[in-house]
Amino acid sequence: MSERDKKQDGFVPRGARPVADLVSKLLNPVIERRAGMTLDLLSVWEEIVGERHAEHSRPEKLNWPRKHDDDDPFEPATLIVACEGHHALFLQHDSDGIVKRVNAYFGFAAVAKLKLVQKPLTRTDKRKRRRAPQVEPDQARRIAEIVENVDDPHLKSALEKLGRGVFSKGS
């Protein structure tokens, strides 16, 4: 079958697609209905809470207050977080900052507070850290020049990481 025939029949060839894209399309509606959140929050949890807390916690559910009618004002949710018992005190201590970062992720004040549920977390193998993308020395200098005037160390680090990803040998 020629390319022209394939296009006329409605067949559009596509390249390989990441499995994560396909799975998230299937699971997101289920998770939204059951837990009030998406896989996106689960996937960025380590960035929100930091590596220290991510190993010992995970978001479980967003509890939205019930509305009695459509005219009731918006009220933010309570984020239920599963946490291993020995780490709960540390997570509770940082809860205000975590709520701020979750709300920054959503782009509005979606969460008012955290509710910690102590329980053991089941894990598969500990995630392997990926090596930083390899860039040529001249590209590394270019990235450093681009971000040299950025004052915020977190933003500067994120931009450097983005630059390494853009200019990496594998891309």
N, C-alpha and C. Protein backbone atom coordinates (compact mmCIF):
# COMPACT_ATOMS: atom_id res chain seq x y z
N MET A 1 0.86 -1.17 0.00
CA MET A 1 0.00 0.00 0.00
C MET A 1 0.90 1.23 0.00
N SER A 2 0.67 2.16 -0.91
CA SER A 2 1.50 3.35 -1.01
C SER A 2 1.11 4.35 0.08
N GLU A 3 2.00 5.33 0.29
CA GLU A 3 1.72 6.36 1.30
C GLU A 3 0.44 7.12 0.96
N ARG A 4 0.24 7.39 -0.34
CA ARG A 4 -0.96 8.12 -0.75
C ARG A 4 -2.22 7.32 -0.44
N ASP A 5 -2.17 6.00 -0.69
CA ASP A 5 -3.32 5.13 -0.41
C ASP A 5 -3.61 5.08 1.08
N LYS A 6 -2.54 5.02 1.89
CA LYS A 6 -2.72 4.97 3.34
C LYS A 6 -3.42 6.22 3.85
N LYS A 7 -3.00 7.39 3.33
CA LYS A 7 -3.60 8.64 3.78
C LYS A 7 -5.05 8.76 3.31
N GLN A 8 -5.35 8.25 2.12
CA GLN A 8 -6.71 8.31 1.61
C GLN A 8 -7.63 7.40 2.41
N ASP A 9 -7.11 6.29 2.90
CA ASP A 9 -7.91 5.36 3.69
C ASP A 9 -8.08 5.81 5.13
N GLY A 10 -7.49 6.96 5.48
CA GLY A 10 -7.60 7.44 6.85
C GLY A 10 -6.51 6.92 7.76
N PHE A 11 -5.59 6.16 7.20
CA PHE A 11 -4.48 5.62 7.98
C PHE A 11 -3.38 6.67 8.02
N VAL A 12 -3.03 7.13 9.21
CA VAL A 12 -1.95 8.10 9.35
C VAL A 12 -0.85 7.43 10.14
N PRO A 13 0.32 7.18 9.52
CA PRO A 13 1.39 6.51 10.25
C PRO A 13 1.91 7.40 11.38
N ARG A 14 2.15 6.78 12.51
CA ARG A 14 2.68 7.51 13.66
C ARG A 14 3.92 6.80 14.15
N GLY A 15 4.77 7.56 14.78
CA GLY A 15 5.96 6.98 15.38
C GLY A 15 5.62 6.33 16.70
N ALA A 16 6.61 5.78 17.31
CA ALA A 16 6.42 5.16 18.62
C ALA A 16 6.01 6.22 19.63
N ARG A 17 5.15 5.85 20.56
CA ARG A 17 4.69 6.77 21.60
C ARG A 17 5.07 6.20 22.95
N PRO A 18 5.46 7.07 23.88
CA PRO A 18 5.80 6.57 25.21
C PRO A 18 4.60 5.90 25.88
N VAL A 19 4.86 4.80 26.54
CA VAL A 19 3.79 4.06 27.24
C VAL A 19 3.16 4.94 28.30
N ALA A 20 3.97 5.79 28.96
CA ALA A 20 3.44 6.66 30.01
C ALA A 20 2.33 7.56 29.48
N ASP A 21 2.46 8.03 28.24
CA ASP A 21 1.40 8.87 27.66
C ASP A 21 0.11 8.09 27.50
N LEU A 22 0.23 6.86 27.05
CA LEU A 22 -0.96 6.03 26.84
C LEU A 22 -1.61 5.65 28.17
N VAL A 23 -0.79 5.27 29.15
CA VAL A 23 -1.32 4.85 30.45
C VAL A 23 -1.98 6.02 31.16
N SER A 24 -1.35 7.20 31.10
CA SER A 24 -1.93 8.34 31.81
C SER A 24 -3.29 8.72 31.23
N LYS A 25 -3.48 8.55 29.92
CA LYS A 25 -4.79 8.84 29.33
C LYS A 25 -5.86 7.89 29.87
N LEU A 26 -5.46 6.66 30.17
CA LEU A 26 -6.40 5.69 30.71
C LEU A 26 -6.64 5.88 32.20
N LEU A 27 -5.57 6.16 32.95
CA LEU A 27 -5.67 6.21 34.40
C LEU A 27 -6.14 7.55 34.95
N ASN A 28 -5.82 8.65 34.28
CA ASN A 28 -6.18 9.96 34.82
C ASN A 28 -7.67 10.09 35.14
N PRO A 29 -8.59 9.70 34.26
CA PRO A 29 -10.01 9.82 34.63
C PRO A 29 -10.39 8.98 35.85
N VAL A 30 -9.79 7.81 35.99
CA VAL A 30 -10.08 6.94 37.13
C VAL A 30 -9.57 7.57 38.41
N ILE A 31 -8.33 8.06 38.39
CA ILE A 31 -7.75 8.67 39.59
C ILE A 31 -8.48 9.95 39.95
N GLU A 32 -8.85 10.75 38.94
CA GLU A 32 -9.60 11.97 39.23
C GLU A 32 -10.92 11.66 39.92
N ARG A 33 -11.61 10.63 39.43
CA ARG A 33 -12.91 10.28 40.00
C ARG A 33 -12.76 9.70 41.40
N ARG A 34 -11.74 8.84 41.61
CA ARG A 34 -11.59 8.16 42.89
C ARG A 34 -10.85 8.99 43.93
N ALA A 35 -9.83 9.77 43.50
CA ALA A 35 -8.98 10.47 44.46
C ALA A 35 -9.01 11.99 44.30
N GLY A 36 -9.69 12.49 43.29
CA GLY A 36 -9.79 13.93 43.13
C GLY A 36 -8.52 14.59 42.63
N MET A 37 -7.58 13.82 42.08
CA MET A 37 -6.34 14.39 41.57
C MET A 37 -5.89 13.61 40.35
N THR A 38 -4.79 14.04 39.75
CA THR A 38 -4.31 13.39 38.53
C THR A 38 -2.96 12.74 38.77
N LEU A 39 -2.53 11.95 37.80
CA LEU A 39 -1.20 11.35 37.87
C LEU A 39 -0.12 12.42 37.87
N ASP A 40 -0.43 13.59 37.34
CA ASP A 40 0.56 14.66 37.28
C ASP A 40 1.06 15.02 38.68
N LEU A 41 0.17 15.11 39.65
CA LEU A 41 0.60 15.43 41.01
C LEU A 41 1.49 14.33 41.57
N LEU A 42 1.14 13.09 41.28
CA LEU A 42 1.99 11.98 41.73
C LEU A 42 3.36 12.03 41.08
N SER A 43 3.41 12.40 39.81
CA SER A 43 4.68 12.40 39.10
C SER A 43 5.61 13.54 39.53
N VAL A 44 5.06 14.63 40.02
CA VAL A 44 5.91 15.76 40.45
C VAL A 44 6.04 15.84 41.97
N TRP A 45 5.57 14.81 42.68
CA TRP A 45 5.58 14.85 44.13
C TRP A 45 6.99 15.09 44.69
N GLU A 46 7.99 14.44 44.13
CA GLU A 46 9.36 14.62 44.63
C GLU A 46 9.82 16.07 44.44
N GLU A 47 9.44 16.70 43.35
CA GLU A 47 9.81 18.09 43.13
C GLU A 47 9.10 19.01 44.11
N ILE A 48 7.89 18.67 44.48
CA ILE A 48 7.12 19.51 45.41
C ILE A 48 7.65 19.39 46.83
N VAL A 49 7.85 18.16 47.30
CA VAL A 49 8.23 17.97 48.71
C VAL A 49 9.72 17.80 48.92
N GLY A 50 10.47 17.55 47.86
CA GLY A 50 11.90 17.33 48.01
C GLY A 50 12.19 15.85 48.22
N GLU A 51 13.42 15.48 47.93
CA GLU A 51 13.82 14.07 48.01
C GLU A 51 13.67 13.51 49.43
N ARG A 52 13.94 14.34 50.42
CA ARG A 52 13.87 13.91 51.82
C ARG A 52 12.49 13.37 52.19
N HIS A 53 11.45 14.08 51.75
CA HIS A 53 10.09 13.66 52.09
C HIS A 53 9.51 12.67 51.07
N ALA A 54 9.94 12.75 49.83
CA ALA A 54 9.35 11.91 48.78
C ALA A 54 9.57 10.43 49.04
N GLU A 55 10.67 10.07 49.66
CA GLU A 55 10.95 8.67 49.94
C GLU A 55 9.99 8.09 50.97
N HIS A 56 9.39 8.94 51.79
CA HIS A 56 8.58 8.47 52.92
C HIS A 56 7.12 8.90 52.84
N SER A 57 6.70 9.49 51.71
CA SER A 57 5.32 9.96 51.61
C SER A 57 4.85 9.91 50.17
N ARG A 58 3.53 10.00 50.02
CA ARG A 58 2.94 10.12 48.68
C ARG A 58 1.53 10.69 48.85
N PRO A 59 1.09 11.50 47.89
CA PRO A 59 -0.27 12.03 47.97
C PRO A 59 -1.27 10.92 47.69
N GLU A 60 -2.33 10.90 48.45
CA GLU A 60 -3.34 9.85 48.28
C GLU A 60 -4.64 10.37 47.69
N LYS A 61 -5.09 11.53 48.19
CA LYS A 61 -6.41 11.97 47.80
C LYS A 61 -6.57 13.45 48.08
N LEU A 62 -7.38 14.11 47.28
CA LEU A 62 -7.79 15.48 47.56
C LEU A 62 -9.24 15.42 48.03
N ASN A 63 -9.50 15.82 49.26
CA ASN A 63 -10.86 15.85 49.81
C ASN A 63 -11.42 17.25 49.62
N TRP A 64 -12.36 17.37 48.71
CA TRP A 64 -13.01 18.66 48.47
C TRP A 64 -14.23 18.78 49.37
N PRO A 65 -14.46 19.94 49.97
CA PRO A 65 -15.66 20.11 50.81
C PRO A 65 -16.92 19.97 49.96
N ARG A 66 -17.92 19.40 50.55
CA ARG A 66 -19.19 19.23 49.83
C ARG A 66 -19.89 20.57 49.68
N LYS A 67 -20.46 20.77 48.51
CA LYS A 67 -21.26 21.97 48.27
C LYS A 67 -22.73 21.57 48.37
N HIS A 68 -23.49 22.40 49.06
CA HIS A 68 -24.90 22.11 49.21
C HIS A 68 -25.70 22.62 48.02
N ASP A 69 -25.21 23.70 47.39
CA ASP A 69 -25.80 24.15 46.14
C ASP A 69 -24.74 24.88 45.34
N ASP A 70 -25.05 25.24 44.12
CA ASP A 70 -24.09 25.84 43.20
C ASP A 70 -23.64 27.23 43.62
N ASP A 71 -24.39 27.89 44.50
CA ASP A 71 -24.05 29.25 44.92
C ASP A 71 -23.06 29.28 46.08
N ASP A 72 -22.73 28.13 46.65
CA ASP A 72 -21.76 28.10 47.75
C ASP A 72 -20.40 28.56 47.25
N PRO A 73 -19.68 29.33 48.06
CA PRO A 73 -18.37 29.82 47.63
C PRO A 73 -17.35 28.68 47.56
N PHE A 74 -16.32 28.90 46.77
CA PHE A 74 -15.24 27.91 46.63
C PHE A 74 -14.51 27.75 47.96
N GLU A 75 -14.26 26.51 48.31
CA GLU A 75 -13.44 26.20 49.48
C GLU A 75 -12.33 25.25 49.04
N PRO A 76 -11.09 25.52 49.47
CA PRO A 76 -9.99 24.64 49.07
C PRO A 76 -10.08 23.27 49.71
N ALA A 77 -9.37 22.33 49.11
CA ALA A 77 -9.40 20.93 49.53
C ALA A 77 -8.40 20.66 50.65
N THR A 78 -8.53 19.47 51.21
CA THR A 78 -7.54 18.92 52.13
C THR A 78 -6.80 17.83 51.37
N LEU A 79 -5.47 17.94 51.33
CA LEU A 79 -4.66 16.94 50.66
C LEU A 79 -4.29 15.86 51.66
N ILE A 80 -4.73 14.65 51.40
CA ILE A 80 -4.42 13.52 52.27
C ILE A 80 -3.12 12.90 51.76
N VAL A 81 -2.15 12.80 52.67
CA VAL A 81 -0.82 12.31 52.31
C VAL A 81 -0.53 11.08 53.16
N ALA A 82 -0.19 9.98 52.51
CA ALA A 82 0.25 8.79 53.23
C ALA A 82 1.71 9.00 53.61
N CYS A 83 2.04 8.67 54.84
CA CYS A 83 3.38 8.92 55.33
C CYS A 83 3.79 7.79 56.27
N GLU A 84 5.04 7.37 56.15
CA GLU A 84 5.54 6.37 57.07
C GLU A 84 5.63 6.99 58.46
N GLY A 85 5.26 6.23 59.48
CA GLY A 85 5.13 6.74 60.84
C GLY A 85 6.34 7.49 61.36
N HIS A 86 7.53 6.97 61.11
CA HIS A 86 8.73 7.61 61.67
C HIS A 86 9.03 8.95 61.01
N HIS A 87 8.41 9.25 59.89
CA HIS A 87 8.71 10.49 59.17
C HIS A 87 7.58 11.52 59.30
N ALA A 88 6.49 11.17 59.92
CA ALA A 88 5.32 12.04 59.97
C ALA A 88 5.61 13.38 60.65
N LEU A 89 6.40 13.38 61.71
CA LEU A 89 6.70 14.63 62.41
C LEU A 89 7.46 15.60 61.51
N PHE A 90 8.41 15.07 60.74
CA PHE A 90 9.17 15.93 59.83
C PHE A 90 8.27 16.51 58.75
N LEU A 91 7.39 15.69 58.21
CA LEU A 91 6.48 16.15 57.17
C LEU A 91 5.49 17.18 57.74
N GLN A 92 5.00 16.94 58.93
CA GLN A 92 4.08 17.89 59.57
C GLN A 92 4.76 19.24 59.78
N HIS A 93 6.02 19.22 60.16
CA HIS A 93 6.77 20.45 60.38
C HIS A 93 6.86 21.28 59.09
N ASP A 94 6.98 20.63 57.95
CA ASP A 94 7.12 21.32 56.66
C ASP A 94 5.79 21.47 55.92
N SER A 95 4.67 21.18 56.58
CA SER A 95 3.38 21.13 55.88
C SER A 95 2.97 22.47 55.27
N ASP A 96 3.24 23.59 55.93
CA ASP A 96 2.84 24.88 55.36
C ASP A 96 3.56 25.15 54.04
N GLY A 97 4.84 24.86 53.99
CA GLY A 97 5.60 25.04 52.75
C GLY A 97 5.13 24.09 51.66
N ILE A 98 4.78 22.87 52.05
CA ILE A 98 4.30 21.89 51.06
C ILE A 98 2.97 22.36 50.47
N VAL A 99 2.08 22.87 51.31
CA VAL A 99 0.79 23.38 50.83
C VAL A 99 1.03 24.53 49.84
N LYS A 100 1.97 25.42 50.15
CA LYS A 100 2.27 26.54 49.24
C LYS A 100 2.80 26.02 47.90
N ARG A 101 3.68 25.02 47.93
CA ARG A 101 4.23 24.49 46.68
C ARG A 101 3.18 23.71 45.88
N VAL A 102 2.29 23.00 46.55
CA VAL A 102 1.20 22.31 45.85
C VAL A 102 0.30 23.33 45.17
N ASN A 103 -0.03 24.40 45.88
CA ASN A 103 -0.89 25.44 45.30
C ASN A 103 -0.18 26.14 44.14
N ALA A 104 1.12 26.33 44.25
CA ALA A 104 1.88 26.92 43.14
C ALA A 104 1.84 25.99 41.94
N TYR A 105 1.92 24.69 42.18
CA TYR A 105 1.84 23.72 41.09
C TYR A 105 0.49 23.80 40.40
N PHE A 106 -0.60 23.87 41.18
CA PHE A 106 -1.93 23.94 40.59
C PHE A 106 -2.22 25.32 39.98
N GLY A 107 -1.55 26.35 40.48
CA GLY A 107 -1.77 27.69 39.95
C GLY A 107 -2.86 28.46 40.66
N PHE A 108 -3.41 27.91 41.72
CA PHE A 108 -4.40 28.61 42.54
C PHE A 108 -4.44 27.93 43.90
N ALA A 109 -5.13 28.55 44.85
CA ALA A 109 -5.19 28.01 46.22
C ALA A 109 -6.14 26.82 46.27
N ALA A 110 -5.69 25.68 45.75
CA ALA A 110 -6.51 24.48 45.68
C ALA A 110 -6.53 23.73 47.00
N VAL A 111 -5.44 23.83 47.78
CA VAL A 111 -5.30 23.05 49.00
C VAL A 111 -5.16 24.00 50.20
N ALA A 112 -5.95 23.73 51.25
CA ALA A 112 -5.87 24.55 52.46
C ALA A 112 -4.95 23.92 53.50
N LYS A 113 -4.94 22.59 53.56
CA LYS A 113 -4.12 21.93 54.59
C LYS A 113 -3.82 20.50 54.18
N LEU A 114 -2.85 19.93 54.88
CA LEU A 114 -2.50 18.52 54.71
C LEU A 114 -3.12 17.72 55.84
N LYS A 115 -3.50 16.51 55.53
CA LYS A 115 -3.89 15.55 56.55
C LYS A 115 -2.99 14.34 56.35
N LEU A 116 -2.22 14.01 57.37
CA LEU A 116 -1.29 12.89 57.27
C LEU A 116 -1.95 11.61 57.74
N VAL A 117 -1.75 10.57 56.98
CA VAL A 117 -2.24 9.24 57.33
C VAL A 117 -0.99 8.37 57.44
N GLN A 118 -0.72 7.90 58.66
CA GLN A 118 0.49 7.10 58.87
C GLN A 118 0.24 5.66 58.47
N LYS A 119 1.06 5.19 57.54
CA LYS A 119 0.99 3.79 57.14
C LYS A 119 2.26 3.46 56.36
N PRO A 120 2.60 2.19 56.32
CA PRO A 120 3.79 1.82 55.55
C PRO A 120 3.51 1.98 54.06
N LEU A 121 4.49 2.50 53.36
CA LEU A 121 4.35 2.69 51.92
C LEU A 121 4.96 1.50 51.21
N THR A 122 4.24 1.00 50.25
CA THR A 122 4.79 -0.10 49.45
C THR A 122 5.58 0.51 48.31
N ARG A 123 6.77 -0.01 48.11
CA ARG A 123 7.63 0.50 47.06
C ARG A 123 8.13 -0.67 46.23
N THR A 124 8.33 -0.36 44.98
CA THR A 124 9.05 -1.31 44.15
C THR A 124 10.52 -0.99 44.38
N ASP A 125 11.37 -1.38 43.50
CA ASP A 125 12.78 -1.06 43.66
C ASP A 125 12.97 0.44 43.75
N LYS A 126 13.96 0.83 44.56
CA LYS A 126 14.25 2.24 44.70
C LYS A 126 14.64 2.79 43.32
N ARG A 127 14.06 3.92 42.99
CA ARG A 127 14.32 4.51 41.68
C ARG A 127 15.80 4.78 41.50
N LYS A 128 16.27 4.45 40.34
CA LYS A 128 17.66 4.73 40.03
C LYS A 128 17.74 6.16 39.52
N ARG A 129 18.73 6.86 40.03
CA ARG A 129 18.96 8.22 39.58
C ARG A 129 19.54 8.21 38.18
N ARG A 130 18.98 9.01 37.34
CA ARG A 130 19.53 9.14 36.00
C ARG A 130 20.74 10.05 36.06
N ARG A 131 21.71 9.73 35.22
CA ARG A 131 22.86 10.61 35.12
C ARG A 131 22.42 11.91 34.46
N ALA A 132 23.11 12.98 34.84
CA ALA A 132 22.84 14.25 34.19
C ALA A 132 23.19 14.13 32.71
N PRO A 133 22.39 14.72 31.85
CA PRO A 133 22.69 14.64 30.42
C PRO A 133 24.09 15.19 30.12
N GLN A 134 24.80 14.53 29.22
CA GLN A 134 26.15 14.94 28.85
C GLN A 134 26.07 16.01 27.76
N VAL A 135 26.76 17.12 27.98
CA VAL A 135 26.82 18.19 26.99
C VAL A 135 28.27 18.47 26.65
N GLU A 136 28.47 18.99 25.46
CA GLU A 136 29.80 19.39 25.03
C GLU A 136 30.28 20.56 25.90
N PRO A 137 31.59 20.71 26.10
CA PRO A 137 32.11 21.81 26.92
C PRO A 137 31.67 23.20 26.43
N ASP A 138 31.62 23.40 25.11
CA ASP A 138 31.21 24.71 24.62
C ASP A 138 29.72 24.96 24.90
N GLN A 139 28.90 23.90 24.86
CA GLN A 139 27.49 24.04 25.21
C GLN A 139 27.33 24.32 26.70
N ALA A 140 28.15 23.68 27.54
CA ALA A 140 28.10 23.91 28.99
C ALA A 140 28.43 25.37 29.29
N ARG A 141 29.44 25.92 28.59
CA ARG A 141 29.78 27.34 28.78
C ARG A 141 28.62 28.23 28.34
N ARG A 142 27.98 27.86 27.24
CA ARG A 142 26.85 28.65 26.74
C ARG A 142 25.70 28.65 27.75
N ILE A 143 25.42 27.49 28.31
CA ILE A 143 24.36 27.40 29.33
C ILE A 143 24.71 28.28 30.53
N ALA A 144 25.98 28.21 30.98
CA ALA A 144 26.42 29.01 32.13
C ALA A 144 26.28 30.50 31.82
N GLU A 145 26.60 30.92 30.61
CA GLU A 145 26.46 32.33 30.22
C GLU A 145 25.00 32.76 30.24
N ILE A 146 24.13 31.89 29.76
CA ILE A 146 22.71 32.23 29.68
C ILE A 146 22.12 32.45 31.07
N VAL A 147 22.51 31.64 32.04
CA VAL A 147 21.88 31.71 33.38
C VAL A 147 22.70 32.49 34.40
N GLU A 148 23.80 33.09 33.99
CA GLU A 148 24.69 33.74 34.97
C GLU A 148 24.04 34.91 35.70
N ASN A 149 23.07 35.58 35.10
CA ASN A 149 22.43 36.73 35.74
C ASN A 149 21.19 36.37 36.55
N VAL A 150 20.88 35.08 36.66
CA VAL A 150 19.71 34.65 37.43
C VAL A 150 20.10 34.62 38.91
N ASP A 151 19.36 35.35 39.74
CA ASP A 151 19.69 35.47 41.17
C ASP A 151 19.19 34.31 42.01
N ASP A 152 18.00 33.82 41.70
CA ASP A 152 17.38 32.75 42.49
C ASP A 152 18.12 31.43 42.24
N PRO A 153 18.74 30.84 43.28
CA PRO A 153 19.52 29.61 43.06
C PRO A 153 18.67 28.43 42.58
N HIS A 154 17.44 28.32 43.03
CA HIS A 154 16.58 27.21 42.60
C HIS A 154 16.21 27.36 41.12
N LEU A 155 15.87 28.59 40.73
CA LEU A 155 15.53 28.85 39.33
C LEU A 155 16.76 28.64 38.45
N LYS A 156 17.90 29.10 38.93
CA LYS A 156 19.14 28.94 38.16
C LYS A 156 19.46 27.47 37.95
N SER A 157 19.31 26.67 39.00
CA SER A 157 19.56 25.24 38.90
C SER A 157 18.60 24.57 37.93
N ALA A 158 17.32 24.95 38.00
CA ALA A 158 16.32 24.37 37.10
C ALA A 158 16.61 24.75 35.65
N LEU A 159 17.01 25.99 35.41
CA LEU A 159 17.33 26.42 34.06
C LEU A 159 18.58 25.71 33.52
N GLU A 160 19.57 25.50 34.39
CA GLU A 160 20.77 24.77 33.96
C GLU A 160 20.40 23.33 33.59
N LYS A 161 19.54 22.71 34.40
CA LYS A 161 19.10 21.35 34.12
C LYS A 161 18.34 21.28 32.79
N LEU A 162 17.49 22.27 32.56
CA LEU A 162 16.76 22.34 31.30
C LEU A 162 17.73 22.51 30.14
N GLY A 163 18.71 23.39 30.30
CA GLY A 163 19.69 23.61 29.25
C GLY A 163 20.48 22.36 28.92
N ARG A 164 20.87 21.61 29.96
CA ARG A 164 21.60 20.35 29.72
C ARG A 164 20.72 19.36 28.96
N GLY A 165 19.43 19.35 29.29
CA GLY A 165 18.52 18.46 28.58
C GLY A 165 18.34 18.86 27.11
N VAL A 166 18.28 20.15 26.86
CA VAL A 166 18.10 20.64 25.50
C VAL A 166 19.33 20.39 24.65
N PHE A 167 20.51 20.63 25.23
CA PHE A 167 21.76 20.52 24.46
C PHE A 167 22.47 19.19 24.63
N SER A 168 21.82 18.20 25.25
CA SER A 168 22.50 16.93 25.50
C SER A 168 22.79 16.18 24.21
N LYS A 169 23.76 15.30 24.30
CA LYS A 169 24.17 14.50 23.13
C LYS A 169 23.05 13.59 22.65
N GLY A 170 22.21 13.14 23.57
CA GLY A 170 21.15 12.20 23.23
C GLY A 170 19.96 12.82 22.54
N SER A 171 19.88 14.17 22.52
CA SER A 171 18.68 14.79 21.94
C SER A 171 18.85 15.15 20.50
